[in-house]
C-alpha atoms as a PDB file:
ATOM      1  CA  MET A   1     -25.820  22.571 -91.902  1.00  0.00           C
ATOM      2  CA  LYS A   2     -25.053  19.575 -89.712  1.00  0.00           C
ATOM      3  CA  PRO A   3     -21.451  18.288 -89.796  1.00  0.00           C
ATOM      4  CA  GLU A   4     -20.923  15.084 -91.743  1.00  0.00           C
ATOM      5  CA  LYS A   5     -19.971  11.994 -89.732  1.00  0.00           C
ATOM      6  CA  LYS A   6     -18.215   9.029 -91.311  1.00  0.00           C
ATOM      7  CA  TYR A   7     -17.950   5.394 -90.319  1.00  0.00           C
ATOM      8  CA  PRO A   8     -14.512   4.124 -89.271  1.00  0.00           C
ATOM      9  CA  LYS A   9     -12.727   1.785 -91.683  1.00  0.00           C
ATOM     10  CA  GLU A  10     -12.524  -0.979 -89.099  1.00  0.00           C
ATOM     11  CA  VAL A  11     -13.968  -1.870 -85.687  1.00  0.00           C
ATOM     12  CA  TYR A  12     -13.056  -4.331 -82.962  1.00  0.00           C
ATOM     13  CA  LEU A  13     -16.075  -6.379 -81.891  1.00  0.00           C
ATOM     14  CA  ASN A  14     -15.826  -9.217 -79.368  1.00  0.00           C
ATOM     15  CA  GLY A  15     -12.390 -10.436 -80.337  1.00  0.00           C
ATOM     16  CA  LYS A  16     -12.398  -9.674 -84.068  1.00  0.00           C
ATOM     17  CA  TRP A  17     -11.398  -6.747 -86.279  1.00  0.00           C
ATOM     18  CA  LEU A  18     -14.156  -6.226 -88.823  1.00  0.00           C
ATOM     19  CA  LYS A  19     -15.324  -3.788 -91.457  1.00  0.00           C
ATOM     20  CA  PRO A  20     -18.364  -1.802 -90.209  1.00  0.00           C
ATOM     21  CA  ASP A  21     -20.757  -3.582 -92.590  1.00  0.00           C
ATOM     22  CA  GLU A  22     -19.553  -6.937 -91.200  1.00  0.00           C
ATOM     23  CA  ALA A  23     -20.017  -6.061 -87.515  1.00  0.00           C
ATOM     24  CA  PHE A  24     -23.323  -7.133 -85.996  1.00  0.00           C
ATOM     25  CA  VAL A  25     -24.794  -7.540 -82.522  1.00  0.00           C
ATOM     26  CA  SER A  26     -27.776  -9.561 -81.367  1.00  0.00           C
ATOM     27  CA  VAL A  27     -31.207  -7.939 -81.385  1.00  0.00           C
ATOM     28  CA  PHE A  28     -31.329  -9.117 -77.761  1.00  0.00           C
ATOM     29  CA  ASP A  29     -28.208  -7.169 -76.812  1.00  0.00           C
ATOM     30  CA  ARG A  30     -29.167  -5.180 -73.725  1.00  0.00           C
ATOM     31  CA  ALA A  31     -27.465  -2.005 -74.995  1.00  0.00           C
ATOM     32  CA  PHE A  32     -29.749  -2.221 -78.044  1.00  0.00           C
ATOM     33  CA  MET A  33     -32.882  -2.960 -76.016  1.00  0.00           C
ATOM     34  CA  PHE A  34     -32.352  -0.913 -72.845  1.00  0.00           C
ATOM     35  CA  GLY A  35     -29.331   1.320 -73.379  1.00  0.00           C
ATOM     36  CA  ASP A  36     -27.744  -1.016 -70.813  1.00  0.00           C
ATOM     37  CA  GLY A  37     -24.139  -0.170 -71.587  1.00  0.00           C
ATOM     38  CA  ILE A  38     -21.268   2.218 -70.990  1.00  0.00           C
ATOM     39  CA  TYR A  39     -19.084   4.176 -73.403  1.00  0.00           C
ATOM     40  CA  GLU A  40     -15.917   6.265 -73.357  1.00  0.00           C
ATOM     41  CA  VAL A  41     -14.062   8.510 -75.818  1.00  0.00           C
ATOM     42  CA  THR A  42     -10.320   9.175 -75.447  1.00  0.00           C
ATOM     43  CA  PRO A  43      -8.370  11.801 -77.460  1.00  0.00           C
ATOM     44  CA  PHE A  44      -5.010  11.117 -79.127  1.00  0.00           C
ATOM     45  CA  TYR A  45      -2.820  14.086 -80.059  1.00  0.00           C
ATOM     46  CA  LYS A  46      -0.507  13.119 -82.923  1.00  0.00           C
ATOM     47  CA  GLY A  47      -1.077   9.490 -81.996  1.00  0.00           C
ATOM     48  CA  LYS A  48      -0.368   9.975 -78.280  1.00  0.00           C
ATOM     49  CA  GLY A  49      -3.165   9.279 -75.814  1.00  0.00           C
ATOM     50  CA  PHE A  50      -4.018  12.264 -73.578  1.00  0.00           C
ATOM     51  CA  LYS A  51      -5.117  11.398 -70.036  1.00  0.00           C
ATOM     52  CA  LEU A  52      -5.600   7.801 -71.211  1.00  0.00           C
ATOM     53  CA  LYS A  53      -5.470   6.378 -67.672  1.00  0.00           C
ATOM     54  CA  GLU A  54      -8.022   8.927 -66.480  1.00  0.00           C
ATOM     55  CA  HIS A  55     -10.413   7.999 -69.289  1.00  0.00           C
ATOM     56  CA  LEU A  56     -10.085   4.306 -68.450  1.00  0.00           C
ATOM     57  CA  LYS A  57     -10.600   5.121 -64.777  1.00  0.00           C
ATOM     58  CA  ARG A  58     -13.853   6.918 -65.636  1.00  0.00           C
ATOM     59  CA  LEU A  59     -14.893   3.957 -67.775  1.00  0.00           C
ATOM     60  CA  GLN A  60     -14.202   1.645 -64.843  1.00  0.00           C
ATOM     61  CA  TYR A  61     -16.226   3.889 -62.518  1.00  0.00           C
ATOM     62  CA  SER A  62     -19.280   3.727 -64.789  1.00  0.00           C
ATOM     63  CA  LEU A  63     -18.956  -0.054 -65.193  1.00  0.00           C
ATOM     64  CA  ASP A  64     -18.758  -0.470 -61.422  1.00  0.00           C
ATOM     65  CA  GLN A  65     -21.774   1.782 -60.886  1.00  0.00           C
ATOM     66  CA  ILE A  66     -24.027  -0.411 -63.049  1.00  0.00           C
ATOM     67  CA  GLN A  67     -22.305  -3.615 -61.885  1.00  0.00           C
ATOM     68  CA  ILE A  68     -20.744  -4.817 -65.124  1.00  0.00           C
ATOM     69  CA  THR A  69     -17.755  -6.907 -64.104  1.00  0.00           C
ATOM     70  CA  PHE A  70     -14.975  -5.959 -66.491  1.00  0.00           C
ATOM     71  CA  ASP A  71     -11.410  -4.614 -66.252  1.00  0.00           C
ATOM     72  CA  ALA A  72     -11.436  -1.363 -68.238  1.00  0.00           C
ATOM     73  CA  PHE A  73      -7.643  -1.094 -68.086  1.00  0.00           C
ATOM     74  CA  SER A  74      -7.313  -4.338 -70.039  1.00  0.00           C
ATOM     75  CA  LEU A  75      -8.406  -2.343 -73.120  1.00  0.00           C
ATOM     76  CA  GLU A  76      -5.350  -0.081 -73.249  1.00  0.00           C
ATOM     77  CA  LYS A  77      -3.410  -2.293 -75.695  1.00  0.00           C
ATOM     78  CA  LEU A  78      -6.464  -2.578 -77.938  1.00  0.00           C
ATOM     79  CA  MET A  79      -6.811   1.206 -77.988  1.00  0.00           C
ATOM     80  CA  LEU A  80      -3.224   1.609 -79.170  1.00  0.00           C
ATOM     81  CA  GLU A  81      -3.741  -1.160 -81.725  1.00  0.00           C
ATOM     82  CA  ALA A  82      -6.862   0.605 -83.019  1.00  0.00           C
ATOM     83  CA  ILE A  83      -4.862   3.814 -83.558  1.00  0.00           C
ATOM     84  CA  ASP A  84      -2.133   1.881 -85.380  1.00  0.00           C
ATOM     85  CA  ARG A  85      -4.513  -0.157 -87.562  1.00  0.00           C
ATOM     86  CA  ALA A  86      -6.342   3.011 -88.560  1.00  0.00           C
ATOM     87  CA  GLY A  87      -3.068   4.612 -89.615  1.00  0.00           C
ATOM     88  CA  LEU A  88      -3.511   7.413 -87.088  1.00  0.00           C
ATOM     89  CA  HIS A  89      -0.259   7.002 -85.138  1.00  0.00           C
ATOM     90  CA  ASN A  90       0.925  10.463 -86.286  1.00  0.00           C
ATOM     91  CA  ALA A  91      -2.468  12.151 -86.488  1.00  0.00           C
ATOM     92  CA  ASP A  92      -5.067  13.657 -84.159  1.00  0.00           C
ATOM     93  CA  ALA A  93      -7.666  11.017 -83.368  1.00  0.00           C
ATOM     94  CA  ALA A  94      -9.956   9.515 -80.757  1.00  0.00           C
ATOM     95  CA  VAL A  95     -10.833   6.009 -79.642  1.00  0.00           C
ATOM     96  CA  TYR A  96     -14.439   5.066 -78.957  1.00  0.00           C
ATOM     97  CA  ILE A  97     -15.183   2.236 -76.527  1.00  0.00           C
ATOM     98  CA  GLN A  98     -18.607   0.757 -75.817  1.00  0.00           C
ATOM     99  CA  LEU A  99     -19.298  -2.061 -73.396  1.00  0.00           C
ATOM    100  CA  SER A 100     -22.737  -3.651 -73.374  1.00  0.00           C
ATOM    101  CA  ARG A 101     -23.861  -5.869 -70.527  1.00  0.00           C
ATOM    102  CA  GLY A 102     -24.434  -8.466 -73.245  1.00  0.00           C
ATOM    103  CA  ALA A 103     -27.241 -10.398 -74.923  1.00  0.00           C
ATOM    104  CA  GLY A 104     -29.983 -12.334 -73.167  1.00  0.00           C
ATOM    105  CA  ALA A 105     -33.724 -12.941 -73.197  1.00  0.00           C
ATOM    106  CA  ARG A 106     -35.458  -9.601 -72.592  1.00  0.00           C
ATOM    107  CA  SER A 107     -36.046  -8.884 -68.913  1.00  0.00           C
ATOM    108  CA  HIS A 108     -35.783  -5.846 -66.691  1.00  0.00           C
ATOM    109  CA  PHE A 109     -33.622  -7.823 -64.272  1.00  0.00           C
ATOM    110  CA  VAL A 110     -30.139  -8.905 -65.317  1.00  0.00           C
ATOM    111  CA  PRO A 111     -29.807 -12.549 -66.443  1.00  0.00           C
ATOM    112  CA  GLU A 112     -27.404 -14.592 -64.314  1.00  0.00           C
ATOM    113  CA  LYS A 113     -25.334 -15.854 -67.231  1.00  0.00           C
ATOM    114  CA  ILE A 114     -24.412 -13.050 -69.581  1.00  0.00           C
ATOM    115  CA  GLU A 115     -21.209 -12.099 -71.396  1.00  0.00           C
ATOM    116  CA  THR A 116     -20.045  -8.502 -71.827  1.00  0.00           C
ATOM    117  CA  SER A 117     -19.926  -7.279 -75.424  1.00  0.00           C
ATOM    118  CA  ILE A 118     -16.986  -5.068 -76.481  1.00  0.00           C
ATOM    119  CA  LEU A 119     -16.958  -2.526 -79.316  1.00  0.00           C
ATOM    120  CA  LEU A 120     -13.880  -0.380 -79.956  1.00  0.00           C
ATOM    121  CA  TYR A 121     -12.546   1.697 -82.840  1.00  0.00           C
ATOM    122  CA  ALA A 122     -10.336   4.680 -83.704  1.00  0.00           C
ATOM    123  CA  PHE A 123     -11.312   7.638 -85.859  1.00  0.00           C
ATOM    124  CA  GLY A 124      -9.641  10.828 -87.011  1.00  0.00           C
ATOM    125  CA  VAL A 125     -10.723  14.151 -85.503  1.00  0.00           C
ATOM    126  CA  THR A 126      -9.698  17.776 -85.930  1.00  0.00           C
ATOM    127  CA  LEU A 127      -8.230  18.915 -82.620  1.00  0.00           C
ATOM    128  CA  GLU A 128      -6.205  21.863 -83.880  1.00  0.00           C
ATOM    129  CA  GLY A 129      -7.703  25.325 -84.175  1.00  0.00           C
ATOM    130  CA  PHE A 130     -10.257  25.063 -81.370  1.00  0.00           C
ATOM    131  CA  GLU A 131      -8.853  28.270 -79.846  1.00  0.00           C
ATOM    132  CA  LYS A 132     -10.142  30.173 -82.904  1.00  0.00           C
ATOM    133  CA  LYS A 133     -13.745  29.075 -82.365  1.00  0.00           C
ATOM    134  CA  THR A 134     -16.609  30.610 -80.424  1.00  0.00           C
ATOM    135  CA  TRP A 135     -20.015  29.080 -79.883  1.00  0.00           C
ATOM    136  CA  HIS A 136     -23.486  30.582 -79.833  1.00  0.00           C
ATOM    137  CA  VAL A 137     -25.640  28.366 -77.628  1.00  0.00           C
ATOM    138  CA  MET A 138     -29.160  27.992 -76.323  1.00  0.00           C
ATOM    139  CA  ALA A 139     -30.314  27.079 -72.823  1.00  0.00           C
ATOM    140  CA  SER A 140     -33.192  24.794 -71.880  1.00  0.00           C
ATOM    141  CA  GLU A 141     -34.520  22.588 -69.095  1.00  0.00           C
ATOM    142  CA  ASP A 142     -32.399  19.609 -68.105  1.00  0.00           C
ATOM    143  CA  LYS A 143     -34.712  16.614 -68.594  1.00  0.00           C
ATOM    144  CA  ARG A 144     -32.121  13.877 -68.095  1.00  0.00           C
ATOM    145  CA  TRP A 145     -32.120  11.244 -65.360  1.00  0.00           C
ATOM    146  CA  TYR A 146     -30.351  11.861 -62.044  1.00  0.00           C
ATOM    147  CA  ARG A 147     -27.258   9.708 -62.680  1.00  0.00           C
ATOM    148  CA  CYS A 148     -25.467  11.823 -65.256  1.00  0.00           C
ATOM    149  CA  ASP A 149     -22.177  10.800 -63.619  1.00  0.00           C
ATOM    150  CA  ILE A 150     -22.608   7.397 -65.314  1.00  0.00           C
ATOM    151  CA  LYS A 151     -21.440   7.567 -68.935  1.00  0.00           C
ATOM    152  CA  SER A 152     -24.342   5.479 -70.191  1.00  0.00           C
ATOM    153  CA  THR A 153     -25.188   4.710 -73.809  1.00  0.00           C
ATOM    154  CA  ALA A 154     -28.787   5.685 -72.956  1.00  0.00           C
ATOM    155  CA  LEU A 155     -28.399   9.225 -74.322  1.00  0.00           C
ATOM    156  CA  LEU A 156     -31.862   9.989 -75.702  1.00  0.00           C
ATOM    157  CA  ALA A 157     -32.353  13.086 -73.523  1.00  0.00           C
ATOM    158  CA  ASN A 158     -28.911  14.380 -74.527  1.00  0.00           C
ATOM    159  CA  VAL A 159     -29.636  13.675 -78.196  1.00  0.00           C
ATOM    160  CA  MET A 160     -32.946  15.538 -78.008  1.00  0.00           C
ATOM    161  CA  ALA A 161     -31.301  18.527 -76.311  1.00  0.00           C
ATOM    162  CA  ASN A 162     -28.449  18.671 -78.830  1.00  0.00           C
ATOM    163  CA  GLU A 163     -30.784  18.194 -81.801  1.00  0.00           C
ATOM    164  CA  ALA A 164     -32.915  21.112 -80.560  1.00  0.00           C
ATOM    165  CA  ALA A 165     -29.797  23.289 -80.526  1.00  0.00           C
ATOM    166  CA  ILE A 166     -28.310  22.207 -83.860  1.00  0.00           C
ATOM    167  CA  SER A 167     -31.656  22.399 -85.676  1.00  0.00           C
ATOM    168  CA  ALA A 168     -32.125  25.962 -84.408  1.00  0.00           C
ATOM    169  CA  GLY A 169     -28.670  27.019 -85.609  1.00  0.00           C
ATOM    170  CA  PHE A 170     -26.832  26.837 -82.269  1.00  0.00           C
ATOM    171  CA  HIS A 171     -23.684  24.905 -81.386  1.00  0.00           C
ATOM    172  CA  GLU A 172     -24.758  23.500 -78.015  1.00  0.00           C
ATOM    173  CA  ASN A 173     -27.576  23.391 -75.472  1.00  0.00           C
ATOM    174  CA  LEU A 174     -26.783  24.427 -71.895  1.00  0.00           C
ATOM    175  CA  LEU A 175     -29.008  22.642 -69.428  1.00  0.00           C
ATOM    176  CA  LEU A 176     -30.886  24.115 -66.448  1.00  0.00           C
ATOM    177  CA  ARG A 177     -32.235  22.205 -63.461  1.00  0.00           C
ATOM    178  CA  ASN A 178     -34.451  24.236 -61.108  1.00  0.00           C
ATOM    179  CA  GLY A 179     -32.934  27.401 -62.536  1.00  0.00           C
ATOM    180  CA  TYR A 180     -29.326  26.293 -62.030  1.00  0.00           C
ATOM    181  CA  PHE A 181     -26.943  25.398 -64.864  1.00  0.00           C
ATOM    182  CA  THR A 182     -25.663  21.830 -64.830  1.00  0.00           C
ATOM    183  CA  GLU A 183     -23.682  21.229 -68.077  1.00  0.00           C
ATOM    184  CA  GLY A 184     -24.105  21.100 -71.837  1.00  0.00           C
ATOM    185  CA  SER A 185     -25.748  18.286 -73.775  1.00  0.00           C
ATOM    186  CA  HIS A 186     -22.226  16.980 -74.544  1.00  0.00           C
ATOM    187  CA  SER A 187     -19.881  19.323 -72.690  1.00  0.00           C
ATOM    188  CA  SER A 188     -18.834  20.547 -69.233  1.00  0.00           C
ATOM    189  CA  LEU A 189     -19.650  24.142 -68.335  1.00  0.00           C
ATOM    190  CA  PHE A 190     -17.688  26.984 -66.701  1.00  0.00           C
ATOM    191  CA  PHE A 191     -18.546  30.568 -65.756  1.00  0.00           C
ATOM    192  CA  VAL A 192     -16.232  33.455 -64.839  1.00  0.00           C
ATOM    193  CA  LYS A 193     -17.416  36.111 -62.394  1.00  0.00           C
ATOM    194  CA  TYR A 194     -15.079  38.839 -61.107  1.00  0.00           C
ATOM    195  CA  GLY A 195     -12.054  36.779 -62.152  1.00  0.00           C
ATOM    196  CA  VAL A 196     -13.230  33.649 -60.310  1.00  0.00           C
ATOM    197  CA  VAL A 197     -14.094  30.444 -62.199  1.00  0.00           C
ATOM    198  CA  TYR A 198     -17.299  28.624 -61.253  1.00  0.00           C
ATOM    199  CA  THR A 199     -18.364  25.131 -62.289  1.00  0.00           C
ATOM    200  CA  HIS A 200     -20.991  22.667 -61.100  1.00  0.00           C
ATOM    201  CA  PRO A 201     -19.645  20.427 -58.306  1.00  0.00           C
ATOM    202  CA  GLU A 202     -18.976  16.748 -58.938  1.00  0.00           C
ATOM    203  CA  GLY A 203     -22.000  14.542 -58.335  1.00  0.00           C
ATOM    204  CA  PRO A 204     -24.822  12.653 -60.029  1.00  0.00           C
ATOM    205  CA  GLU A 205     -26.122  15.711 -61.910  1.00  0.00           C
ATOM    206  CA  ILE A 206     -23.063  16.040 -64.183  1.00  0.00           C
ATOM    207  CA  LEU A 207     -20.499  13.856 -65.911  1.00  0.00           C
ATOM    208  CA  SER A 208     -17.048  13.946 -64.342  1.00  0.00           C
ATOM    209  CA  GLY A 209     -15.255  15.510 -67.307  1.00  0.00           C
ATOM    210  CA  ILE A 210     -11.602  14.618 -67.901  1.00  0.00           C
ATOM    211  CA  THR A 211     -10.975  17.912 -69.719  1.00  0.00           C
ATOM    212  CA  ARG A 212     -12.970  19.647 -66.970  1.00  0.00           C
ATOM    213  CA  ALA A 213     -10.544  18.275 -64.369  1.00  0.00           C
ATOM    214  CA  GLU A 214      -7.567  19.359 -66.479  1.00  0.00           C
ATOM    215  CA  VAL A 215      -8.945  22.906 -66.705  1.00  0.00           C
ATOM    216  CA  ILE A 216      -9.322  23.037 -62.920  1.00  0.00           C
ATOM    217  CA  ASN A 217      -5.724  21.828 -62.670  1.00  0.00           C
ATOM    218  CA  ILE A 218      -4.566  24.529 -65.097  1.00  0.00           C
ATOM    219  CA  CYS A 219      -6.396  27.181 -63.058  1.00  0.00           C
ATOM    220  CA  ALA A 220      -4.512  26.040 -59.952  1.00  0.00           C
ATOM    221  CA  SER A 221      -1.201  26.357 -61.813  1.00  0.00           C
ATOM    222  CA  LEU A 222      -2.119  29.928 -62.827  1.00  0.00           C
ATOM    223  CA  ASN A 223      -3.371  30.880 -59.340  1.00  0.00           C
ATOM    224  CA  ILE A 224      -6.895  31.330 -60.695  1.00  0.00           C
ATOM    225  CA  LYS A 225      -9.510  30.637 -58.031  1.00  0.00           C
ATOM    226  CA  VAL A 226     -12.040  27.901 -58.849  1.00  0.00           C
ATOM    227  CA  ILE A 227     -15.264  27.433 -56.899  1.00  0.00           C
ATOM    228  CA  GLU A 228     -17.272  24.271 -57.556  1.00  0.00           C
ATOM    229  CA  LYS A 229     -20.693  25.815 -57.063  1.00  0.00           C
ATOM    230  CA  THR A 230     -23.843  25.903 -59.173  1.00  0.00           C
ATOM    231  CA  VAL A 231     -24.585  29.117 -61.050  1.00  0.00           C
ATOM    232  CA  HIS A 232     -28.195  30.313 -61.244  1.00  0.00           C
ATOM    233  CA  PHE A 233     -29.752  31.659 -64.420  1.00  0.00           C
ATOM    234  CA  ASP A 234     -30.289  35.050 -62.717  1.00  0.00           C
ATOM    235  CA  GLU A 235     -26.532  35.351 -62.097  1.00  0.00           C
ATOM    236  CA  LEU A 236     -25.811  35.733 -65.824  1.00  0.00           C
ATOM    237  CA  VAL A 237     -25.878  39.521 -65.398  1.00  0.00           C
ATOM    238  CA  GLU A 238     -22.669  39.174 -63.334  1.00  0.00           C
ATOM    239  CA  VAL A 239     -20.943  36.693 -65.639  1.00  0.00           C
ATOM    240  CA  GLU A 240     -17.962  37.961 -67.644  1.00  0.00           C
ATOM    241  CA  GLU A 241     -17.002  34.797 -69.544  1.00  0.00           C
ATOM    242  CA  VAL A 242     -18.573  31.404 -70.244  1.00  0.00           C
ATOM    243  CA  PHE A 243     -16.776  28.448 -71.784  1.00  0.00           C
ATOM    244  CA  VAL A 244     -17.372  24.753 -72.305  1.00  0.00           C
ATOM    245  CA  THR A 245     -14.951  21.835 -72.303  1.00  0.00           C
ATOM    246  CA  GLY A 246     -14.941  18.294 -73.619  1.00  0.00           C
ATOM    247  CA  THR A 247     -12.782  15.485 -74.980  1.00  0.00           C
ATOM    248  CA  THR A 248     -12.837  16.696 -78.577  1.00  0.00           C
ATOM    249  CA  THR A 249     -14.412  20.111 -77.852  1.00  0.00           C
ATOM    250  CA  GLN A 250     -11.378  20.966 -75.658  1.00  0.00           C
ATOM    251  CA  ILE A 251     -11.977  24.588 -74.493  1.00  0.00           C
ATOM    252  CA  ILE A 252     -14.376  26.822 -76.436  1.00  0.00           C
ATOM    253  CA  PRO A 253     -15.731  30.223 -75.296  1.00  0.00           C
ATOM    254  CA  ILE A 254     -19.436  30.988 -75.466  1.00  0.00           C
ATOM    255  CA  SER A 255     -20.292  34.189 -77.357  1.00  0.00           C
ATOM    256  CA  SER A 256     -23.986  34.235 -76.500  1.00  0.00           C
ATOM    257  CA  ILE A 257     -26.733  32.311 -74.724  1.00  0.00           C
ATOM    258  CA  THR A 258     -30.325  32.324 -75.980  1.00  0.00           C
ATOM    259  CA  HIS A 259     -33.215  31.217 -73.765  1.00  0.00           C
ATOM    260  CA  HIS A 260     -36.828  31.054 -75.015  1.00  0.00           C
ATOM    261  CA  ASN A 261     -35.778  32.934 -78.184  1.00  0.00           C
ATOM    262  CA  LYS A 262     -34.291  35.786 -76.135  1.00  0.00           C
ATOM    263  CA  LYS A 263     -30.562  36.481 -75.925  1.00  0.00           C
ATOM    264  CA  VAL A 264     -29.792  36.471 -72.194  1.00  0.00           C
ATOM    265  CA  TYR A 265     -25.991  36.624 -72.279  1.00  0.00           C
ATOM    266  CA  THR A 266     -23.331  38.146 -74.518  1.00  0.00           C
ATOM    267  CA  THR A 267     -19.648  37.684 -73.706  1.00  0.00           C
ATOM    268  CA  ARG A 268     -17.963  40.610 -71.959  1.00  0.00           C
ATOM    269  CA  LYS A 269     -14.392  39.314 -71.792  1.00  0.00           C
ATOM    270  CA  ASP A 270     -12.304  36.436 -73.118  1.00  0.00           C
ATOM    271  CA  SER A 271      -8.896  36.969 -71.492  1.00  0.00           C
ATOM    272  CA  LEU A 272      -9.120  34.212 -68.879  1.00  0.00           C
ATOM    273  CA  THR A 273     -10.467  31.665 -71.357  1.00  0.00           C
ATOM    274  CA  LYS A 274      -7.594  32.475 -73.733  1.00  0.00           C
ATOM    275  CA  LYS A 275      -5.037  31.892 -70.964  1.00  0.00           C
ATOM    276  CA  LEU A 276      -6.528  28.476 -70.269  1.00  0.00           C
ATOM    277  CA  GLN A 277      -6.509  27.635 -73.985  1.00  0.00           C
ATOM    278  CA  GLU A 278      -2.839  28.570 -74.297  1.00  0.00           C
ATOM    279  CA  VAL A 279      -1.775  26.328 -71.421  1.00  0.00           C
ATOM    280  CA  PHE A 280      -4.017  23.498 -72.612  1.00  0.00           C
ATOM    281  CA  ILE A 281      -2.397  23.592 -76.062  1.00  0.00           C
ATOM    282  CA  LYS A 282       1.055  23.391 -74.485  1.00  0.00           C
ATOM    283  CA  ARG A 283       0.029  20.421 -72.333  1.00  0.00           C
ATOM    284  CA  THR A 284      -1.572  18.459 -75.158  1.00  0.00           C
ATOM    285  CA  ARG A 285       1.084  19.202 -77.788  1.00  0.00           C
ATOM    286  CA  ARG A 286       4.247  18.850 -75.745  1.00  0.00           C
END
C-alpha cells in the first residue's frame, strides 16, 4: 500500500501565506508548462534546521545552472517562519521550496521580462526510527537526462522509476547507466566492498546529496576509506553492504536488489552501515 501524503495547512506563495486551496499559479507558469523550475527540501530535527546553509547552497547552484537570477539565501528567514507558523518548532519536519522561472507567453526561449515565482511550506515528517528499517529494492535502466546534478522540478523520469518500484512492492529503484549504478530514483547510493565504501563521483549523472556528503564526512571521522567510483552491476558478487541516503530517508540499508524479476543481491553484512547510522543520529540530535 502506498503511503498517504497530506497537504500542508499553509503555504507561502509570492509574498502571501495562503491555505492550499487558495494558492494558485498561472497556467502559463513555466514550471507548469516546461518543468522550468528548481526545488529543495531541508530537514528540521526538533525544529532545528540540519545543514540548512548547504541546502540553500545547492538550491543556489541549481538556480545558477539554469540562469534564474535569485538569492537562495534570502529564503532562510521564510523557512524558519514556515516552521513556526506550522507549529513545528519542537517537532521533526522539512521545508519544501520551489522556484519557477515565472509566467510568460509559451516559448522555448526565455522571455526577457519575467518574474520568479516562489512557493515554500513546512510539513511534519517522521525522522526517528530510520535505523530500524531495511529496504528491498529493484534495479532498472537510468532513463533520465544528463543533468541530474540540477535539482529540477522536471521529475517525470524519476516519478516513473519510483512508481515502477512502489507498484511492484519495492521501496526504491536503483538506476543503471551502461551497466553502472548511478543513484536511486530519490536517493543517493553507497556500496561496501572489503570494508571500503564506494559511491558514484560528483557530476552531472547524480544529484549532489547533502546527506551523501555528510556520510562521506562521517566515514572520514571513523577512518573508513571512501572511493568515489562507479560500481558495475557485475561487481554485486563482491558487495557486502548497500545503503541509500537522502534528506528524509537519512541512512537505510538495502536487504535485497531485484533485477528483471531475479534477486541479484542479498545483504551479507550490516556492521558498517550501523556505525554510520549511530554517528548520524548523534549529529542530527545533538
